[in-house]
Each structure stands twice: as C-alpha cells, then as structure tokens.
C-alpha cells in the first residue's frame, strides 16, 4: 500500500533493458526501453480496494497494468507497454531481426 501511496499523483518511469547475443558469431543487440505511467491522485480507499481485488503486491510497482491497474492511471506513455510487464517485445523482435532471426519467418 505504501508504494502505491507514493505513486499517487506522480509520473513514474520504468526502464527495462534487453541484451541479445548470437553465440554463433558473437554479434549482439542491446536496447533500453522507457515507459512512463502517470498515476491519478488516489484515495486510501481506492488503493485498499485495488489491492483486495488484484492482489498485486508481488508485482513490480505493486500494480498490474494488464488488469484493474489501468484504473489507477491518468495515462501511459512509451514505445512498448510490454516493457512495463517485464519484457519489451517490440525491442526483442527488432533485435532478433537485426541478428538475422525473423519472428514471422516460416
């Protein structure tokens, strides 16, 4: 509850890094993804109810953006919302393509 109280009314930036290595040739790909979440000003009752409904305390930031966590936000901003969950999939696909692996190839 304390962490969500601190986020109330704030912009919170999440930074996720990704590094891929092609072990056959040593080529690498690295990226850093930034994603910002703007929290609404939250009442104590809203925070308590959210925690009761979602049980998010084992998650980074104590919220789940893919569930009711969206009700905590004014807006979300960034290139890849998957980075907020843990793995920036857009960057991953870009890196795989740069290393010669097309995720859509047959």
Protein backbone atom coordinates (compact mmCIF):
# COMPACT_ATOMS: atom_id res chain seq x y z
CA UNK A 1 0.00 0.00 0.00
CA UNK A 2 2.84 2.37 0.85
CA UNK A 3 4.35 2.15 -2.65
CA UNK A 4 1.04 2.91 -4.34
CA UNK A 5 0.53 5.84 -1.97
CA UNK A 6 3.91 7.21 -3.06
CA UNK A 7 2.94 6.83 -6.74
CA UNK A 8 -0.36 8.70 -6.24
CA UNK A 9 -0.43 11.81 -8.43
CA UNK A 10 3.07 11.10 -9.79
CA UNK A 11 4.74 10.26 -13.08
CA UNK A 12 6.69 7.02 -12.64
CA UNK A 13 9.25 5.91 -15.22
CA UNK A 14 10.08 2.26 -15.71
CA UNK A 15 13.29 1.31 -17.51
CA UNK A 16 13.83 -2.15 -18.96
CA UNK A 17 16.99 -3.27 -20.70
CA UNK A 18 17.43 -6.07 -23.19
CA UNK A 19 20.61 -7.70 -24.46
CA UNK A 20 20.79 -10.46 -27.07
CA UNK A 21 23.89 -12.35 -28.17
CA UNK A 22 24.18 -14.59 -31.20
CA UNK A 23 26.56 -17.20 -29.82
CA UNK A 24 27.42 -18.49 -33.31
CA UNK A 25 29.13 -15.26 -34.36
CA UNK A 26 29.29 -13.01 -31.28
CA UNK A 27 27.02 -10.30 -32.73
CA UNK A 28 24.93 -8.52 -30.13
CA UNK A 29 21.89 -6.29 -29.80
CA UNK A 30 21.14 -4.08 -26.79
CA UNK A 31 18.29 -1.72 -26.05
CA UNK A 32 16.80 0.25 -23.21
CA UNK A 33 13.03 0.82 -23.11
CA UNK A 34 11.46 3.67 -21.17
CA UNK A 35 7.80 3.59 -20.24
CA UNK A 36 6.01 6.19 -18.12
CA UNK A 37 2.88 5.76 -16.07
CA UNK A 38 1.01 8.80 -14.78
CA UNK A 39 -0.93 7.89 -11.66
CA UNK A 40 -4.13 9.64 -10.72
CA UNK A 41 -4.35 11.07 -7.24
CA UNK A 42 -5.56 8.01 -5.37
CA UNK A 43 -7.56 7.86 -2.17
CA UNK A 44 -6.58 5.41 0.54
CA UNK A 45 -9.88 3.60 -0.01
CA UNK A 46 -9.12 3.18 -3.74
CA UNK A 47 -5.68 1.77 -3.00
CA UNK A 48 -7.02 -0.67 -0.41
CA UNK A 49 -9.81 -1.83 -2.73
CA UNK A 50 -7.42 -2.22 -5.66
CA UNK A 51 -5.09 -4.37 -3.53
CA UNK A 52 -8.05 -6.50 -2.37
CA UNK A 53 -9.25 -7.09 -5.94
CA UNK A 54 -5.96 -7.58 -7.79
CA UNK A 55 -3.53 -8.91 -5.15
CA UNK A 56 -0.69 -7.03 -6.93
CA UNK A 57 1.86 -6.83 -4.13
CA UNK A 58 4.16 -9.43 -5.73
CA UNK A 59 4.44 -7.32 -8.90
CA UNK A 60 6.99 -4.65 -9.72
CA UNK A 61 5.47 -1.35 -8.59
CA UNK A 62 2.66 -3.17 -6.74
CA UNK A 63 0.28 -2.89 -9.69
CA UNK A 64 -0.78 -4.84 -12.76
CA UNK A 65 -1.23 -2.63 -15.80
CA UNK A 66 -2.90 -5.51 -17.66
CA UNK A 67 -5.71 -5.73 -15.09
CA UNK A 68 -7.57 -3.19 -12.98
CA UNK A 69 -4.32 -1.27 -12.62
CA UNK A 70 -5.37 0.86 -15.58
CA UNK A 71 -7.98 2.42 -13.27
CA UNK A 72 -5.07 3.89 -11.27
CA UNK A 73 -3.69 5.85 -14.21
CA UNK A 74 -4.31 9.13 -15.97
CA UNK A 75 -2.23 7.98 -18.91
CA UNK A 76 0.54 5.67 -20.03
CA UNK A 77 3.29 6.71 -22.40
CA UNK A 78 6.08 4.95 -24.25
CA UNK A 79 7.03 2.80 -27.20
CA UNK A 80 6.37 -0.65 -25.78
CA UNK A 81 3.91 -1.33 -22.94
CA UNK A 82 5.24 -4.90 -22.73
CA UNK A 83 8.37 -3.46 -21.11
CA UNK A 84 6.21 -2.47 -18.18
CA UNK A 85 5.21 -6.09 -17.70
CA UNK A 86 8.81 -7.25 -17.94
CA UNK A 87 9.97 -7.97 -21.49
CA UNK A 88 9.92 -5.26 -24.19
CA UNK A 89 8.62 -7.42 -27.03
CA UNK A 90 8.90 -4.75 -29.74
CA UNK A 91 12.60 -4.34 -28.94
CA UNK A 92 13.00 -8.11 -28.76
CA UNK A 93 11.56 -8.56 -32.25
CA UNK A 94 13.74 -5.73 -33.61
CA UNK A 95 16.82 -7.29 -32.05
CA UNK A 96 16.02 -10.73 -33.40
CA UNK A 97 15.59 -9.29 -36.91
CA UNK A 98 18.89 -7.40 -36.60
CA UNK A 99 20.59 -10.67 -35.64
CA UNK A 100 19.05 -12.45 -38.64
CA UNK A 101 16.08 -14.14 -36.98
CA UNK A 102 12.69 -13.06 -38.28
CA UNK A 103 9.96 -13.90 -35.72
CA UNK A 104 7.48 -14.16 -38.62
CA UNK A 105 9.51 -16.40 -40.91
CA UNK A 106 8.27 -19.87 -41.67
